[in-house]
C-alpha atoms as a PDB file:
ATOM      1  CA  MET A   1     -21.749  -5.572  -3.440  1.00  0.00           C
ATOM      2  CA  THR A   2     -18.148  -6.606  -3.811  1.00  0.00           C
ATOM      3  CA  HIS A   3     -15.071  -4.400  -3.237  1.00  0.00           C
ATOM      4  CA  LYS A   4     -11.533  -3.528  -4.241  1.00  0.00           C
ATOM      5  CA  VAL A   5      -8.977  -1.199  -2.734  1.00  0.00           C
ATOM      6  CA  LYS A   6      -6.987   1.638  -4.583  1.00  0.00           C
ATOM      7  CA  ILE A   7      -3.284   1.971  -3.177  1.00  0.00           C
ATOM      8  CA  THR A   8      -1.892   5.026  -3.678  1.00  0.00           C
ATOM      9  CA  VAL A   9       1.914   6.025  -3.127  1.00  0.00           C
ATOM     10  CA  LEU A  10       1.827   9.123  -0.994  1.00  0.00           C
ATOM     11  CA  ARG A  11       5.276   9.156  -0.726  1.00  0.00           C
ATOM     12  CA  ARG A  12       8.797   7.678  -0.293  1.00  0.00           C
ATOM     13  CA  GLU A  13      10.819   8.880   2.591  1.00  0.00           C
ATOM     14  CA  ILE A  14      14.743   8.906   3.405  1.00  0.00           C
ATOM     15  CA  PHE A  15      16.504   8.749   6.073  1.00  0.00           C
ATOM     16  CA  SER A  16      20.090   9.779   5.129  1.00  0.00           C
ATOM     17  CA  ASP A  17      21.752   9.959   8.554  1.00  0.00           C
ATOM     18  CA  LEU A  18      20.541   6.162   9.009  1.00  0.00           C
ATOM     19  CA  GLN A  19      21.911   5.051   5.714  1.00  0.00           C
ATOM     20  CA  GLU A  20      25.001   6.126   6.036  1.00  0.00           C
ATOM     21  CA  GLN A  21      25.266   5.102   9.539  1.00  0.00           C
ATOM     22  CA  TYR A  22      24.010   1.324   8.802  1.00  0.00           C
ATOM     23  CA  LEU A  23      24.110   0.339   4.906  1.00  0.00           C
ATOM     24  CA  ALA A  24      26.082  -1.755   2.541  1.00  0.00           C
ATOM     25  CA  ASN A  25      25.737   0.981   0.160  1.00  0.00           C
ATOM     26  CA  PRO A  26      25.224   4.125   2.264  1.00  0.00           C
ATOM     27  CA  LYS A  27      24.193   6.541  -0.872  1.00  0.00           C
ATOM     28  CA  SER A  28      20.950   4.104  -1.641  1.00  0.00           C
ATOM     29  CA  GLY A  29      18.319   6.872  -1.568  1.00  0.00           C
ATOM     30  CA  LYS A  30      14.870   6.677  -2.067  1.00  0.00           C
ATOM     31  CA  CYS A  31      13.218   3.377  -2.865  1.00  0.00           C
ATOM     32  CA  GLU A  32      13.224   2.768  -6.722  1.00  0.00           C
ATOM     33  CA  PHE A  33      10.731   0.644  -7.015  1.00  0.00           C
ATOM     34  CA  PHE A  34       7.410   3.046  -6.272  1.00  0.00           C
ATOM     35  CA  ARG A  35       7.097   6.612  -7.789  1.00  0.00           C
ATOM     36  CA  ASP A  36       5.154   9.389  -5.566  1.00  0.00           C
ATOM     37  CA  GLY A  37       1.393   9.540  -6.696  1.00  0.00           C
ATOM     38  CA  GLN A  38       1.729   5.817  -8.579  1.00  0.00           C
ATOM     39  CA  GLU A  39      -1.926   3.889  -8.016  1.00  0.00           C
ATOM     40  CA  PHE A  40      -2.559   0.781  -8.077  1.00  0.00           C
ATOM     41  CA  LEU A  41      -6.436  -1.071  -7.977  1.00  0.00           C
ATOM     42  CA  VAL A  42      -6.910  -4.217  -6.372  1.00  0.00           C
ATOM     43  CA  GLY A  43      -9.483  -7.135  -6.863  1.00  0.00           C
ATOM     44  CA  PRO A  44      -9.590 -10.930  -5.476  1.00  0.00           C
ATOM     45  CA  GLU A  45      -7.659 -11.558  -8.854  1.00  0.00           C
ATOM     46  CA  GLU A  46      -5.096  -8.783  -8.243  1.00  0.00           C
ATOM     47  CA  TYR A  47      -4.672  -9.870  -4.843  1.00  0.00           C
ATOM     48  CA  MET A  48      -3.951 -13.773  -5.156  1.00  0.00           C
ATOM     49  CA  SER A  49      -1.028 -12.793  -7.919  1.00  0.00           C
ATOM     50  CA  MET A  50       0.142 -10.099  -5.723  1.00  0.00           C
ATOM     51  CA  LEU A  51       0.085  -7.464  -8.623  1.00  0.00           C
ATOM     52  CA  ASN A  52       1.867 -10.049 -11.260  1.00  0.00           C
ATOM     53  CA  GLY A  53       5.354  -8.512  -9.878  1.00  0.00           C
ATOM     54  CA  LYS A  54       3.995  -5.023  -9.895  1.00  0.00           C
ATOM     55  CA  PHE A  55       4.503  -4.207  -6.022  1.00  0.00           C
ATOM     56  CA  CYS A  56       7.778  -5.117  -4.186  1.00  0.00           C
ATOM     57  CA  ALA A  57       7.125  -8.018  -2.040  1.00  0.00           C
ATOM     58  CA  GLU A  58       8.702  -6.675   0.928  1.00  0.00           C
ATOM     59  CA  ALA A  59       5.580  -3.691   0.871  1.00  0.00           C
ATOM     60  CA  TRP A  60       3.238  -6.246   0.354  1.00  0.00           C
ATOM     61  CA  ASP A  61       3.445  -8.348   3.341  1.00  0.00           C
ATOM     62  CA  CYS A  62       3.393  -4.879   5.523  1.00  0.00           C
ATOM     63  CA  VAL A  63      -0.156  -4.003   3.851  1.00  0.00           C
ATOM     64  CA  SER A  64      -1.865  -7.545   2.279  1.00  0.00           C
ATOM     65  CA  ARG A  65      -3.619  -8.431   5.518  1.00  0.00           C
ATOM     66  CA  TYR A  66      -5.322  -4.774   5.303  1.00  0.00           C
ATOM     67  CA  ILE A  67      -5.797  -5.333   1.226  1.00  0.00           C
ATOM     68  CA  TYR A  68      -7.493  -8.641   2.036  1.00  0.00           C
ATOM     69  CA  SER A  69      -9.646  -7.362   5.004  1.00  0.00           C
ATOM     70  CA  ALA A  70     -10.875  -4.231   2.841  1.00  0.00           C
ATOM     71  CA  LEU A  71     -11.788  -6.707  -0.615  1.00  0.00           C
ATOM     72  CA  GLN A  72     -13.951  -9.038   2.201  1.00  0.00           C
ATOM     73  CA  GLY A  73     -16.177  -5.407   2.825  1.00  0.00           C
ATOM     74  CA  GLY A  74     -14.496  -5.146   6.052  1.00  0.00           C
ATOM     75  CA  SER A  75     -13.060  -1.872   7.984  1.00  0.00           C
ATOM     76  CA  ILE A  76     -10.078  -0.972   7.449  1.00  0.00           C
ATOM     77  CA  MET A  77      -9.511   1.369  10.208  1.00  0.00           C
ATOM     78  CA  ALA A  78     -12.406   1.794  12.510  1.00  0.00           C
ATOM     79  CA  GLY A  79     -12.089   4.354  15.163  1.00  0.00           C
ATOM     80  CA  TRP A  80      -8.408   5.353  14.367  1.00  0.00           C
ATOM     81  CA  THR A  81      -8.728   7.363  10.748  1.00  0.00           C
ATOM     82  CA  ASN A  82     -11.416  10.355   9.955  1.00  0.00           C
ATOM     83  CA  ASP A  83     -12.779   7.438   7.157  1.00  0.00           C
ATOM     84  CA  GLU A  84     -13.250   3.703   8.219  1.00  0.00           C
ATOM     85  CA  LYS A  85     -12.849   2.522   4.514  1.00  0.00           C
ATOM     86  CA  MET A  86      -9.221   4.228   4.468  1.00  0.00           C
ATOM     87  CA  MET A  87      -5.616   4.129   6.121  1.00  0.00           C
ATOM     88  CA  ILE A  88      -2.419   5.175   5.884  1.00  0.00           C
ATOM     89  CA  ALA A  89       0.451   2.547   6.089  1.00  0.00           C
ATOM     90  CA  CYS A  90       4.265   2.193   4.789  1.00  0.00           C
ATOM     91  CA  CYS A  91       6.228  -0.679   4.093  1.00  0.00           C
ATOM     92  CA  ASN A  92       9.164  -1.479   6.808  1.00  0.00           C
ATOM     93  CA  ASP A  93      12.194  -0.211   4.950  1.00  0.00           C
ATOM     94  CA  GLY A  94      13.668   1.831   7.869  1.00  0.00           C
ATOM     95  CA  THR A  95      15.667   3.770   6.133  1.00  0.00           C
ATOM     96  CA  ARG A  96      13.356   4.828   2.873  1.00  0.00           C
ATOM     97  CA  PRO A  97       9.945   3.611   3.942  1.00  0.00           C
ATOM     98  CA  VAL A  98       7.465   4.066   1.289  1.00  0.00           C
ATOM     99  CA  ILE A  99       3.806   5.832   2.621  1.00  0.00           C
ATOM    100  CA  PHE A 100       0.539   4.311   0.930  1.00  0.00           C
ATOM    101  CA  LYS A 101      -3.023   5.638   1.140  1.00  0.00           C
ATOM    102  CA  LEU A 102      -5.188   2.216   1.046  1.00  0.00           C
ATOM    103  CA  GLU A 103      -8.830   3.027   0.298  1.00  0.00           C
ATOM    104  CA  ARG A 104     -11.381   0.440   0.291  1.00  0.00           C
ATOM    105  CA  ILE A 105     -13.990   1.111  -3.177  1.00  0.00           C
ATOM    106  CA  ASP A 106     -17.556  -0.536  -3.000  1.00  0.00           C
ATOM    107  CA  ILE A 107     -18.912  -0.983  -6.222  1.00  0.00           C
ATOM    108  CA  ASP A 108     -22.732  -1.886  -6.476  1.00  0.00           C
ATOM    109  CA  GLU A 109     -22.569  -5.179  -8.612  1.00  0.00           C
ATOM    110  CA  GLU A 110     -26.529  -3.811  -9.986  1.00  0.00           C
ATOM    111  CA  ASN A 111     -25.294  -0.495 -11.040  1.00  0.00           C
ATOM    112  CA  GLU A 112     -22.316  -1.830 -12.417  1.00  0.00           C
ATOM    113  CA  SER A 113     -21.557  -1.295 -16.129  1.00  0.00           C
END
């Protein structure tokens, strides 16, 4: 059995009050790197190349350990979420975080076309 991980951008948030108070550009707005509903499929090759620049490096730093675990067939959040093959995570941007859904996809190699 092999595994892949589907990453879905659930939504991009914004905390305008924090941007006003702390950012050099207080009108930065929501993250411009991602779109709500955007999806990525990650296998071992994509993992090693960090999706060839198609994924924000800071966000990757936040989710890559969970993706690595899932690619090895591990449980992402057993006992925490209602499905051990799924978790909700976010990037570390405190004024405009992006919320991701990570899902381990199990592929039966014998039945794969």
